[in-house]
Every structure is written in C-alpha cells, then in structure tokens.
Amino acid sequence: MASCSTCFDPVEMIQPGSESKVAHAIEPLKDPRWDEFLLRHSRASVFHSSQWLQALSRTYGYEPIALTTTPAGKPLNNGIVLCRVESWLTGRRLVSLPFSDHCEPLVDTTEDLGILSAALKRECEDGRYDYLEVRPLRPSALLLALDRILVSYAFHQLNLEPDLDVIFGNFHKSSTQRKIRRAEREGLTFLEGSSEALLNDFFQLFTLSRKRQGLAPQPKEWFRNLMECFGPALTIRVALKGERRIAAMITLRYKDTLTYKYGCSDTGFNNLGSMHLLFWTAIRQAKAAGLRVLDFGRTDADQQSLIVFKNRWGATQSVLHYSRYGVSKNSAHCFDIYASKRKSRATKYVLRHVSPGILPAIGRLLYRHIG
C-alpha cells in the first residue's frame, strides 16, 4: 500500500459522535487502490487515470500525489489528485492536473471535502508552494478561504447515445455534413493505429500547426509516452489525399468516453474536409464500441472559430473555470500562459518565424515549466 507521508501533514477533524478523519497523501502510481477507485467513481475521467499520470511523470518528471480521507488498508472512497510542479521559471505549485483539460475532485461529501480542503489550504499558507491550481468540470467546490484567480474556457461534449443517423442529422448541414460528404467525394482516406510511423506523421503536421499559431509543440516524447502508457486505448488517425498526409488527430479512450486531445492539419487542404473525415470516423467507431460520450475538450474563450466548429457537431457547450489559489505576486503572470488572455504577442511573433526544425527543441525546454 503506497503512502506519501512526507507530502502532507495529517489534518484531523473530529465530528461529534463519530470517529476522527484525517487527510492522507498517497502515491496513485504505486497504490493499487487508485485504479480500482476510478473504475467505481462516475466522475473519474481519462485525466485521473494512471496512464495519464504515468505519461506526465515520464515526460516532465512531475510527482503525482492524491489526497484522501480513506485510511490505509481500506478501499478508497474519495480523492483529489495533483502533481507537484517545481520550476525556477514559474515557481513551485500543486496543479490538478498539468496539461489536463479538466480534473474533477472526486469527493462526494461536504465533510470529506472540508478535510481535504483544509490540508490544501495549509500547504498554500505554509509556503511550501506558491499556489494551488485546480481544473474542475463543475464550479470548484473546494472550501479554501484564499485569494484566487479565475480563467474560463469553453467545453464541449457530444452525446453518443442516440442512433447514428440522429447524431449525423444534428450536425450543421451547410458546413459539417457538407464537409463530410466533400471528403468522401474527394476520395480522402485515412490511416489509424499507434505506430511510430503514425506518430511521425502526426508530429510533423502538429509542429507546422503550432508554428502557424505561434506556439511551440509539446515534446515528441510526450506523445510517445502517451502512446506507450495507453496502448490500444490511444489512436492516431491520419487523413490522406493520395499519399500526402493532410490532417491528424489523437484520441484517448477511457471507460465510456472518447476524448479528442490533439488535432492538426495542413491548411492548404482544409477545404477538402480532412478533419471532418477524422472526427466522423472517430464518432462512428466510438458509437460502434458502445461509448457514450465524445469529449471535444477545452477551448480558449477567444478562439471563436474553434468554438463554432465544435458547436456545429451538435456538441453541448458549457464553461470550465480554472482556479488558482494563494497566488503570489511573482507567479500571477504565469497562469496558463499558452491558453489565457495574457499570451505574449512578442513570443508568438518570434515562434511563427522560427524554423520548424528548432520548434521541437524549444518545446522540450519550455513545457516542463508551464504544466
């Protein structure tokens, strides 16, 4: 049974007429109870999974920990998973979770939430970390009497339970349906799997897409580690026009959900419906596999064209609110610099004009600091 006694000091709360409860820190990658707990909990997502945590640890050296009120030797019944991020550039912080679209606190009672919130609050106040960042699906329920900064994102999910023809009928007729049919008329084909060759195809397109956006790509090692950790639950799909690779995406399957995580394309071929072909293929395959939800992921609030694109698939739009607690003056500027409104125009300008061959090296140096 893995424990992590040096991470958090116990926080004990005694309720009249009941046994005391304490906040325990465990190591989810070493504690077999963690995956068993996730399979039972209805709100557990791919971002809680040991596969995702292992990829974060391998690539960036982050140390995943989880807080729970469940004592050793008993099945877990709650948990908040976080990673330590320690950087000379962006500070020392706890994040739930780095590079994750969302990560819900898996706590179902107010009593347990109060105990775990108290433990997190003390970590912020004791100065061990500059701040705590949480990325819940629902408005944060953490009971922290600390200053906080909020950043909001759009979030989209598609219900896969209706019949496939109903799902298709809910797509925007003059764009989404038309683009799918255009891809078919153009004779676009696709490859799928999780091979090194497909990873190379994806990463080449991904690097060019990030350059166009003025961003560095995540390290190739990150995608390779995801591929190794998730095995057949990760799929790379690459669209082709003849022999030319023109679009690619990565999806992750976990429980009853397919999560779209990364996508990229050659913009010179976007009018052919290459990304529409890949999404429609993913939807049909997820439906055939009995999955219930397609998670389209988060979108920056200022990316209106991408929000419209996701809406046109009949997806339900909601809002994600990320919270940063206990913010210090020195770290306030670092809040998700790639996704917030504080993006550096100068940095984006430089990255747009850097050689594509240099961008991966920049990504390897940068991303471990910004998780």
Protein backbone atom coordinates (compact mmCIF):
# COMPACT_ATOMS: atom_id res chain seq x y z
CA MET A 1 0.00 0.00 0.00
CA ALA A 2 1.68 3.19 -1.15
CA SER A 3 1.64 6.18 1.12
CA CYS A 4 3.34 9.55 0.94
CA SER A 5 3.81 10.71 4.49
CA THR A 6 6.22 13.49 3.59
CA CYS A 7 3.81 15.21 1.19
CA PHE A 8 1.16 16.49 3.56
CA ASP A 9 0.90 16.55 7.30
CA PRO A 10 -2.26 14.86 8.59
CA VAL A 11 -5.28 17.12 9.05
CA GLU A 12 -7.63 15.71 11.65
CA MET A 13 -11.24 16.75 12.06
CA ILE A 14 -13.40 15.23 14.77
CA GLN A 15 -17.16 15.24 14.31
CA PRO A 16 -19.32 14.84 17.44
CA GLY A 17 -20.41 11.24 17.84
CA SER A 18 -18.14 9.93 15.06
CA GLU A 19 -14.60 8.74 14.51
CA SER A 20 -11.97 11.29 13.53
CA LYS A 21 -10.98 11.63 9.89
CA VAL A 22 -7.56 12.56 8.57
CA ALA A 23 -6.27 13.69 5.18
CA HIS A 24 -3.84 11.09 3.86
CA ALA A 25 -1.47 11.55 0.91
CA ILE A 26 -0.94 8.52 -1.34
CA GLU A 27 1.04 7.84 -4.50
CA PRO A 28 -1.55 6.82 -7.10
CA LEU A 29 1.03 5.27 -9.41
CA LYS A 30 2.06 2.85 -6.65
CA ASP A 31 -1.23 2.36 -4.84
CA PRO A 32 -3.37 -0.40 -6.47
CA ARG A 33 -6.47 1.10 -4.89
CA TRP A 34 -6.33 4.14 -7.19
CA ASP A 35 -7.36 2.49 -10.46
CA GLU A 36 -9.96 0.38 -8.65
CA PHE A 37 -11.44 3.58 -7.19
CA LEU A 38 -11.54 5.29 -10.61
CA LEU A 39 -13.45 2.42 -12.16
CA ARG A 40 -16.12 2.79 -9.47
CA HIS A 41 -16.41 6.56 -9.49
CA SER A 42 -18.81 8.04 -12.04
CA ARG A 43 -16.89 11.32 -12.43
CA ALA A 44 -13.44 9.81 -12.96
CA SER A 45 -12.01 10.75 -16.35
CA VAL A 46 -9.04 9.87 -18.51
CA PHE A 47 -7.12 12.68 -16.80
CA HIS A 48 -7.35 10.91 -13.43
CA SER A 49 -6.09 7.64 -14.90
CA SER A 50 -2.76 6.07 -14.00
CA GLN A 51 -1.93 6.00 -17.74
CA TRP A 52 -2.17 9.80 -17.93
CA LEU A 53 -0.30 10.25 -14.65
CA GLN A 54 2.45 7.90 -15.80
CA ALA A 55 2.91 9.84 -19.05
CA LEU A 56 3.16 13.11 -17.09
CA SER A 57 5.73 11.60 -14.76
CA ARG A 58 7.83 10.04 -17.52
CA THR A 59 7.90 13.13 -19.72
CA TYR A 60 8.11 16.02 -17.29
CA GLY A 61 9.22 14.44 -14.03
CA TYR A 62 6.08 15.57 -12.20
CA GLU A 63 5.30 13.69 -8.99
CA PRO A 64 1.61 12.71 -8.80
CA ILE A 65 0.01 12.59 -5.36
CA ALA A 66 -3.56 12.13 -4.23
CA LEU A 67 -5.27 13.30 -1.06
CA THR A 68 -7.94 11.11 0.51
CA THR A 69 -9.67 10.64 3.84
CA THR A 70 -9.57 6.86 3.39
CA PRO A 71 -7.07 5.20 5.75
CA ALA A 72 -4.57 2.59 4.60
CA GLY A 73 -5.94 -0.90 4.12
CA LYS A 74 -9.44 0.18 3.09
CA PRO A 75 -10.86 0.73 -0.42
CA LEU A 76 -10.59 4.36 -1.48
CA ASN A 77 -13.85 6.28 -1.45
CA ASN A 78 -12.58 9.76 -2.37
CA GLY A 79 -9.55 11.52 -3.76
CA ILE A 80 -8.07 14.71 -5.18
CA VAL A 81 -5.12 14.04 -7.48
CA LEU A 82 -2.40 16.64 -8.05
CA CYS A 83 1.08 16.97 -9.44
CA ARG A 84 3.99 18.84 -7.96
CA VAL A 85 5.48 21.23 -10.50
CA GLU A 86 8.79 22.71 -9.38
CA SER A 87 10.36 25.25 -11.72
CA TRP A 88 12.90 28.05 -11.35
CA LEU A 89 10.96 29.85 -14.09
CA THR A 90 7.32 29.55 -12.97
CA GLY A 91 7.59 28.61 -9.30
CA ARG A 92 6.61 25.71 -7.07
CA ARG A 93 2.98 24.73 -7.27
CA LEU A 94 0.39 22.00 -6.99
CA VAL A 95 -1.70 21.50 -10.13
CA SER A 96 -4.71 19.27 -10.63
CA LEU A 97 -3.63 18.39 -13.28
CA PRO A 98 -0.95 19.69 -15.68
CA PHE A 99 -1.86 19.62 -19.39
CA SER A 100 -5.29 18.23 -18.49
CA ASP A 101 -8.46 19.79 -19.86
CA HIS A 102 -10.24 19.08 -16.59
CA CYS A 103 -9.71 17.12 -13.38
CA GLU A 104 -12.67 16.87 -11.06
CA PRO A 105 -12.13 16.48 -7.28
CA LEU A 106 -13.59 13.01 -6.69
CA VAL A 107 -15.12 13.82 -3.32
CA ASP A 108 -18.81 13.25 -2.59
CA THR A 109 -19.42 14.55 0.93
CA THR A 110 -19.05 18.02 2.43
CA GLU A 111 -17.24 16.57 5.44
CA ASP A 112 -14.53 14.89 3.36
CA LEU A 113 -14.22 17.94 1.13
CA GLY A 114 -13.69 20.14 4.17
CA ILE A 115 -10.89 17.93 5.48
CA LEU A 116 -9.08 17.78 2.15
CA SER A 117 -9.58 21.50 1.54
CA ALA A 118 -8.05 22.24 4.94
CA ALA A 119 -4.96 20.18 4.05
CA LEU A 120 -4.55 22.02 0.74
CA LYS A 121 -5.10 25.39 2.38
CA ARG A 122 -2.34 24.70 4.89
CA GLU A 123 0.07 23.75 2.12
CA CYS A 124 -0.51 27.13 0.48
CA GLU A 125 -0.22 29.04 3.75
CA ASP A 126 2.91 27.21 4.93
CA GLY A 127 4.81 28.45 1.90
CA ARG A 128 5.74 25.03 0.57
CA TYR A 129 4.14 26.01 -2.74
CA ASP A 130 3.46 29.33 -4.40
CA TYR A 131 -0.07 28.37 -5.31
CA LEU A 132 -2.60 25.65 -5.97
CA GLU A 133 -4.33 25.34 -9.34
CA VAL A 134 -7.46 23.22 -9.88
CA ARG A 135 -9.27 22.45 -13.13
CA PRO A 136 -12.70 21.02 -12.24
CA LEU A 137 -15.51 20.21 -14.66
CA ARG A 138 -18.01 21.84 -12.33
CA PRO A 139 -17.62 25.09 -10.41
CA SER A 140 -14.95 24.41 -7.81
CA ALA A 141 -16.31 23.09 -4.54
CA LEU A 142 -13.01 23.37 -2.65
CA LEU A 143 -13.54 25.16 0.65
CA LEU A 144 -10.48 27.39 0.51
CA ALA A 145 -10.61 30.81 2.14
CA LEU A 146 -7.79 32.07 -0.07
CA ASP A 147 -7.45 34.66 -2.78
CA ARG A 148 -7.91 33.19 -6.23
CA ILE A 149 -7.73 33.99 -9.91
CA LEU A 150 -10.28 32.52 -12.32
CA VAL A 151 -9.77 31.77 -16.01
CA SER A 152 -12.64 30.42 -18.10
CA TYR A 153 -12.75 28.16 -21.15
CA ALA A 154 -15.44 26.74 -23.38
CA PHE A 155 -16.01 22.99 -23.08
CA HIS A 156 -17.86 20.68 -25.46
CA GLN A 157 -19.21 17.14 -25.18
CA LEU A 158 -21.21 15.12 -27.69
CA ASN A 159 -23.78 12.57 -26.54
CA LEU A 160 -23.23 9.33 -28.46
CA GLU A 161 -26.30 7.51 -27.16
CA PRO A 162 -28.77 8.45 -29.95
CA ASP A 163 -28.84 6.44 -33.18
CA LEU A 164 -26.03 7.25 -35.57
CA ASP A 165 -28.36 8.78 -38.15
CA VAL A 166 -29.78 11.06 -35.44
CA ILE A 167 -26.27 12.12 -34.44
CA PHE A 168 -25.43 12.87 -38.08
CA GLY A 169 -28.71 14.74 -38.52
CA ASN A 170 -27.76 17.07 -35.65
CA PHE A 171 -24.61 18.19 -37.45
CA HIS A 172 -24.68 21.60 -39.11
CA LYS A 173 -26.00 20.88 -42.60
CA SER A 174 -24.20 23.50 -44.66
CA SER A 175 -20.80 23.00 -43.04
CA THR A 176 -20.27 19.79 -41.09
CA GLN A 177 -22.46 17.45 -43.13
CA ARG A 178 -21.32 19.06 -46.36
CA LYS A 179 -17.64 18.74 -45.41
CA ILE A 180 -18.02 15.06 -44.54
CA ARG A 181 -19.59 14.44 -47.95
CA ARG A 182 -16.89 16.53 -49.62
CA ALA A 183 -14.20 14.35 -48.03
CA GLU A 184 -15.94 11.27 -49.39
CA ARG A 185 -16.21 12.77 -52.90
CA GLU A 186 -12.55 13.78 -52.85
CA GLY A 187 -11.59 10.21 -52.07
CA LEU A 188 -9.75 11.07 -48.88
CA THR A 189 -8.52 8.05 -46.98
CA PHE A 190 -7.09 7.61 -43.50
CA LEU A 191 -4.65 5.52 -41.51
CA GLU A 192 -5.11 4.71 -37.85
CA GLY A 193 -3.29 2.97 -35.05
CA SER A 194 -0.49 3.75 -32.59
CA SER A 195 2.70 3.08 -34.50
CA GLU A 196 5.91 5.09 -34.61
CA ALA A 197 5.26 5.87 -38.29
CA LEU A 198 1.85 7.37 -37.49
CA LEU A 199 3.37 9.31 -34.59
CA ASN A 200 5.92 10.77 -37.01
CA ASP A 201 3.15 11.77 -39.42
CA PHE A 202 1.18 13.38 -36.61
CA PHE A 203 4.14 15.22 -35.11
CA GLN A 204 5.23 16.71 -38.43
CA LEU A 205 1.75 18.17 -39.00
CA PHE A 206 1.44 19.16 -35.35
CA THR A 207 4.72 21.11 -35.41
CA LEU A 208 3.62 23.04 -38.51
CA SER A 209 0.24 23.78 -36.93
CA ARG A 210 1.84 25.06 -33.73
CA LYS A 211 4.22 27.25 -35.72
CA ARG A 212 1.24 28.76 -37.53
CA GLN A 213 -0.36 29.50 -34.13
CA GLY A 214 2.83 31.00 -32.72
CA LEU A 215 3.32 28.16 -30.23
CA ALA A 216 5.96 25.52 -29.64
CA PRO A 217 4.86 21.88 -29.86
CA GLN A 218 4.83 19.63 -26.84
CA PRO A 219 7.87 17.31 -26.84
CA LYS A 220 7.60 14.33 -29.11
CA GLU A 221 8.48 12.23 -26.06
CA TRP A 222 5.16 13.29 -24.52
CA PHE A 223 3.18 11.77 -27.36
CA ARG A 224 5.35 8.67 -27.43
CA ASN A 225 4.85 8.20 -23.68
CA LEU A 226 1.10 8.65 -24.08
CA MET A 227 1.16 6.02 -26.81
CA GLU A 228 3.13 3.58 -24.65
CA CYS A 229 1.10 4.19 -21.48
CA PHE A 230 -2.34 3.97 -23.09
CA GLY A 231 -1.60 1.18 -25.54
CA PRO A 232 -4.63 0.40 -27.74
CA ALA A 233 -6.73 2.99 -25.89
CA LEU A 234 -4.83 5.70 -27.80
CA THR A 235 -5.50 6.10 -31.51
CA ILE A 236 -3.68 8.27 -34.02
CA ARG A 237 -5.74 8.96 -37.15
CA VAL A 238 -4.10 10.50 -40.21
CA ALA A 239 -6.07 11.72 -43.24
CA LEU A 240 -4.51 11.41 -46.69
CA LYS A 241 -5.08 12.95 -50.11
CA GLY A 242 -3.41 10.39 -52.29
CA GLU A 243 -0.13 9.79 -50.48
CA ARG A 244 0.02 13.21 -48.80
CA ARG A 245 -0.66 13.49 -45.06
CA ILE A 246 -3.04 16.42 -44.64
CA ALA A 247 -4.61 16.11 -41.16
CA ALA A 248 -4.17 14.12 -37.96
CA MET A 249 -5.69 13.68 -34.52
CA ILE A 250 -5.07 11.80 -31.29
CA THR A 251 -7.92 10.39 -29.21
CA LEU A 252 -7.90 8.59 -25.86
CA ARG A 253 -10.50 6.04 -24.76
CA TYR A 254 -11.31 5.67 -21.08
CA LYS A 255 -14.37 3.99 -19.58
CA ASP A 256 -17.38 5.18 -21.63
CA THR A 257 -15.72 8.28 -23.10
CA LEU A 258 -13.61 9.04 -26.14
CA THR A 259 -11.50 12.16 -25.59
CA TYR A 260 -10.26 14.22 -28.51
CA LYS A 261 -6.96 15.60 -27.26
CA TYR A 262 -4.84 16.83 -30.17
CA GLY A 263 -5.51 17.75 -33.77
CA CYS A 264 -3.62 19.39 -36.62
CA SER A 265 -3.86 19.89 -40.35
CA ASP A 266 -2.28 21.27 -43.49
CA THR A 267 -4.43 24.37 -44.01
CA GLY A 268 -3.96 24.15 -47.77
CA PHE A 269 -6.27 21.14 -47.78
CA ASN A 270 -8.82 22.19 -45.13
CA ASN A 271 -11.48 22.83 -47.76
CA LEU A 272 -11.49 19.10 -48.55
CA GLY A 273 -12.96 18.22 -45.14
CA SER A 274 -9.97 16.24 -43.82
CA MET A 275 -10.60 17.00 -40.12
CA HIS A 276 -14.31 16.38 -40.62
CA LEU A 277 -13.47 12.95 -42.03
CA LEU A 278 -11.36 12.14 -38.95
CA PHE A 279 -13.98 13.33 -36.46
CA TRP A 280 -16.78 11.46 -38.23
CA THR A 281 -14.65 8.31 -38.28
CA ALA A 282 -13.92 8.68 -34.56
CA ILE A 283 -17.61 9.23 -33.78
CA ARG A 284 -18.73 6.17 -35.76
CA GLN A 285 -16.08 3.97 -34.17
CA ALA A 286 -16.86 5.22 -30.67
CA LYS A 287 -20.56 4.60 -31.24
CA ALA A 288 -19.86 1.08 -32.53
CA ALA A 289 -17.73 0.38 -29.44
CA GLY A 290 -20.62 1.33 -27.15
CA LEU A 291 -19.08 4.54 -25.83
CA ARG A 292 -21.49 7.19 -24.56
CA VAL A 293 -19.59 10.48 -24.82
CA LEU A 294 -17.15 12.25 -27.11
CA ASP A 295 -15.18 14.82 -25.12
CA PHE A 296 -14.13 17.61 -27.51
CA GLY A 297 -12.01 19.21 -24.80
CA ARG A 298 -11.50 22.80 -23.74
CA THR A 299 -11.23 25.84 -25.99
CA ASP A 300 -9.84 29.28 -25.19
CA ALA A 301 -12.66 31.77 -24.81
CA ASP A 302 -11.18 33.93 -27.58
CA GLN A 303 -10.99 31.08 -30.12
CA GLN A 304 -14.44 31.73 -31.51
CA SER A 305 -13.86 29.89 -34.78
CA LEU A 306 -12.95 26.69 -32.92
CA ILE A 307 -15.94 27.09 -30.60
CA VAL A 308 -18.21 27.41 -33.65
CA PHE A 309 -16.56 24.35 -35.22
CA LYS A 310 -17.34 22.24 -32.15
CA ASN A 311 -20.87 23.59 -31.82
CA ARG A 312 -21.57 22.52 -35.40
CA TRP A 313 -21.08 18.88 -34.41
CA GLY A 314 -24.14 19.11 -32.19
CA ALA A 315 -21.98 19.15 -29.07
CA THR A 316 -23.22 20.65 -25.82
CA GLN A 317 -21.25 23.72 -24.77
CA SER A 318 -20.51 24.60 -21.14
CA VAL A 319 -17.89 26.58 -19.25
CA LEU A 320 -14.77 25.40 -17.43
CA HIS A 321 -13.49 27.60 -14.62
CA TYR A 322 -9.86 27.05 -13.61
CA SER A 323 -8.98 28.43 -10.17
CA ARG A 324 -5.60 29.45 -8.82
CA TYR A 325 -5.49 29.73 -5.03
CA GLY A 326 -2.93 31.53 -2.87
CA VAL A 327 -1.41 33.39 -5.79
CA SER A 328 1.85 35.21 -5.11
CA LYS A 329 2.77 38.41 -6.92
CA ASN A 330 5.70 36.65 -8.55
CA SER A 331 3.59 33.87 -10.06
CA ALA A 332 0.42 35.67 -11.10
CA HIS A 333 1.65 36.28 -14.64
CA CYS A 334 2.27 32.59 -15.29
CA PHE A 335 -1.34 31.35 -15.23
CA ASP A 336 -1.53 29.00 -18.21
CA ILE A 337 0.41 31.33 -20.46
CA TYR A 338 -0.47 29.33 -23.56
CA ALA A 339 -4.22 29.42 -23.00
CA SER A 340 -5.03 32.64 -21.12
CA LYS A 341 -5.58 36.12 -22.44
CA ARG A 342 -2.10 37.05 -21.20
CA LYS A 343 -0.38 35.40 -24.16
CA SER A 344 2.74 37.19 -25.22
CA ARG A 345 2.33 38.65 -28.67
CA ALA A 346 6.07 39.06 -28.99
CA THR A 347 6.70 35.38 -28.20
CA LYS A 348 4.08 34.27 -30.70
CA TYR A 349 5.56 36.51 -33.37
CA VAL A 350 9.03 35.02 -32.81
CA LEU A 351 7.77 31.43 -32.86
CA ARG A 352 5.88 32.00 -36.10
CA HIS A 353 9.17 33.00 -37.73
CA VAL A 354 11.40 30.32 -36.22
CA SER A 355 12.45 27.38 -38.37
CA PRO A 356 10.13 24.37 -37.82
CA GLY A 357 13.24 22.31 -37.08
CA ILE A 358 14.00 24.42 -34.00
CA LEU A 359 10.49 24.43 -32.53
CA PRO A 360 10.61 20.91 -31.00
CA ALA A 361 13.77 21.83 -29.06
CA ILE A 362 12.01 24.93 -27.72
CA GLY A 363 9.08 22.78 -26.68
CA ARG A 364 11.33 20.33 -24.83
CA LEU A 365 12.88 23.18 -22.85
CA LEU A 366 9.65 25.06 -22.16
CA TYR A 367 6.79 22.69 -21.39
CA ARG A 368 8.05 21.22 -18.15
CA HIS A 369 7.83 24.76 -16.70
CA ILE A 370 4.25 25.55 -17.75
CA GLY A 371 2.22 22.49 -16.81
